[in-house]
Amino acid sequence: MNIIRFLSRFTLICNICFLLFVLFSYLEVNAPQGAVADMAARIPFFKELIIVLGFSAIVINSLMCITYLILILLKKKTMIPKWIGIFNVFLLIAEVYYFIF
């Protein structure tokens, strides 16, 4: 069960990167015309990491939500805080809406 706790936390980090990705893309689209382009270029590694984790969040989060569902159906006790599971499920809905629609 330690691996489930680790993957839940990793999924939480991916979901936070998804939120940052959406925020950065919104700020980039709505930037004024005279603004300096690509202001986050000073730290390109972190910018690229946020983009990769933000895009992969939908896959990782859907796999984790399927794992949550299996654990609930098997009635297994886990030491995962409930707010992490609820937050991940809520953001899966937001990710599906963002990427599909």
Protein backbone atom coordinates (compact mmCIF):
# COMPACT_ATOMS: atom_id res chain seq x y z
CA MET A 1 0.00 0.00 0.00
CA ASN A 2 2.99 2.32 0.27
CA ILE A 3 3.17 2.40 -3.52
CA ILE A 4 -0.46 3.59 -3.66
CA ARG A 5 0.31 6.43 -1.26
CA PHE A 6 3.36 7.41 -3.32
CA LEU A 7 1.41 7.33 -6.59
CA SER A 8 -1.41 9.36 -5.03
CA ARG A 9 1.04 12.07 -4.04
CA PHE A 10 2.71 11.95 -7.45
CA THR A 11 -0.72 12.32 -9.06
CA LEU A 12 -1.37 15.31 -6.83
CA ILE A 13 1.87 16.92 -8.02
CA CYS A 14 0.91 16.23 -11.66
CA ASN A 15 -2.48 17.83 -11.07
CA ILE A 16 -0.87 20.92 -9.58
CA CYS A 17 1.38 21.09 -12.66
CA PHE A 18 -1.75 20.85 -14.81
CA LEU A 19 -3.23 23.83 -12.99
CA LEU A 20 0.01 25.77 -13.47
CA PHE A 21 0.07 24.79 -17.15
CA VAL A 22 -3.47 26.10 -17.64
CA LEU A 23 -2.60 29.29 -15.76
CA PHE A 24 0.57 29.90 -17.78
CA SER A 25 -1.18 29.26 -21.09
CA TYR A 26 -3.98 31.64 -20.10
CA LEU A 27 -1.48 34.32 -19.13
CA GLU A 28 0.46 33.84 -22.36
CA VAL A 29 -2.65 34.13 -24.53
CA ASN A 30 -3.90 37.23 -22.71
CA ALA A 31 -0.54 39.01 -22.50
CA PRO A 32 -0.48 42.59 -23.74
CA GLN A 33 0.98 43.19 -27.18
CA GLY A 34 4.03 45.09 -25.90
CA ALA A 35 4.94 42.54 -23.23
CA VAL A 36 8.19 40.63 -23.33
CA ALA A 37 7.59 37.23 -24.88
CA ASP A 38 8.34 34.10 -22.87
CA MET A 39 9.03 35.69 -19.50
CA ALA A 40 9.49 32.28 -17.85
CA ALA A 41 12.44 31.43 -20.12
CA ARG A 42 14.95 32.10 -17.33
CA ILE A 43 14.27 28.65 -15.91
CA PRO A 44 13.42 26.54 -18.98
CA PHE A 45 13.81 23.21 -17.18
CA PHE A 46 11.00 23.94 -14.75
CA LYS A 47 8.81 25.36 -17.48
CA GLU A 48 9.28 22.22 -19.57
CA LEU A 49 8.73 20.01 -16.54
CA ILE A 50 5.43 21.75 -15.78
CA ILE A 51 4.34 21.35 -19.40
CA VAL A 52 5.20 17.64 -19.52
CA LEU A 53 3.60 16.85 -16.16
CA GLY A 54 0.61 19.02 -17.05
CA PHE A 55 -0.01 17.12 -20.28
CA SER A 56 0.59 13.70 -18.73
CA ALA A 57 -1.64 14.49 -15.75
CA ILE A 58 -4.78 13.25 -17.51
CA VAL A 59 -3.27 9.80 -18.13
CA ILE A 60 -1.71 9.47 -14.69
CA ASN A 61 -4.81 10.82 -12.97
CA SER A 62 -7.19 8.52 -14.85
CA LEU A 63 -5.06 5.48 -13.93
CA MET A 64 -5.01 6.59 -10.30
CA CYS A 65 -8.78 7.12 -10.24
CA ILE A 66 -9.27 3.61 -11.67
CA THR A 67 -7.03 2.34 -8.88
CA TYR A 68 -9.15 4.23 -6.32
CA LEU A 69 -12.27 2.65 -7.78
CA ILE A 70 -10.77 -0.84 -7.61
CA LEU A 71 -9.71 -0.30 -3.99
CA ILE A 72 -13.20 0.91 -3.10
CA LEU A 73 -14.85 -2.07 -4.82
CA LEU A 74 -12.50 -4.51 -3.07
CA LYS A 75 -13.10 -2.65 0.22
CA LYS A 76 -9.39 -2.33 0.93
CA LYS A 77 -8.27 0.02 3.68
CA THR A 78 -5.63 2.51 2.64
CA MET A 79 -3.85 5.28 4.46
CA ILE A 80 -4.54 7.82 1.71
CA PRO A 81 -6.15 11.02 2.94
CA LYS A 82 -9.64 11.36 1.49
CA TRP A 83 -9.06 14.92 0.33
CA ILE A 84 -6.32 13.75 -2.04
CA GLY A 85 -8.68 11.24 -3.66
CA ILE A 86 -11.50 13.76 -3.93
CA PHE A 87 -9.14 16.42 -5.32
CA ASN A 88 -7.75 13.99 -7.91
CA VAL A 89 -11.23 12.94 -9.05
CA PHE A 90 -12.35 16.58 -9.29
CA LEU A 91 -9.31 17.50 -11.36
CA LEU A 92 -9.79 14.49 -13.62
CA ILE A 93 -13.15 15.96 -14.57
CA ALA A 94 -11.50 19.35 -15.18
CA GLU A 95 -8.72 17.75 -17.26
CA VAL A 96 -11.18 15.82 -19.42
CA TYR A 97 -13.14 19.01 -19.99
CA TYR A 98 -9.99 21.00 -20.83
CA PHE A 99 -8.38 18.47 -23.19
CA ILE A 100 -11.49 17.00 -24.83
CA PHE A 101 -13.82 19.98 -25.09
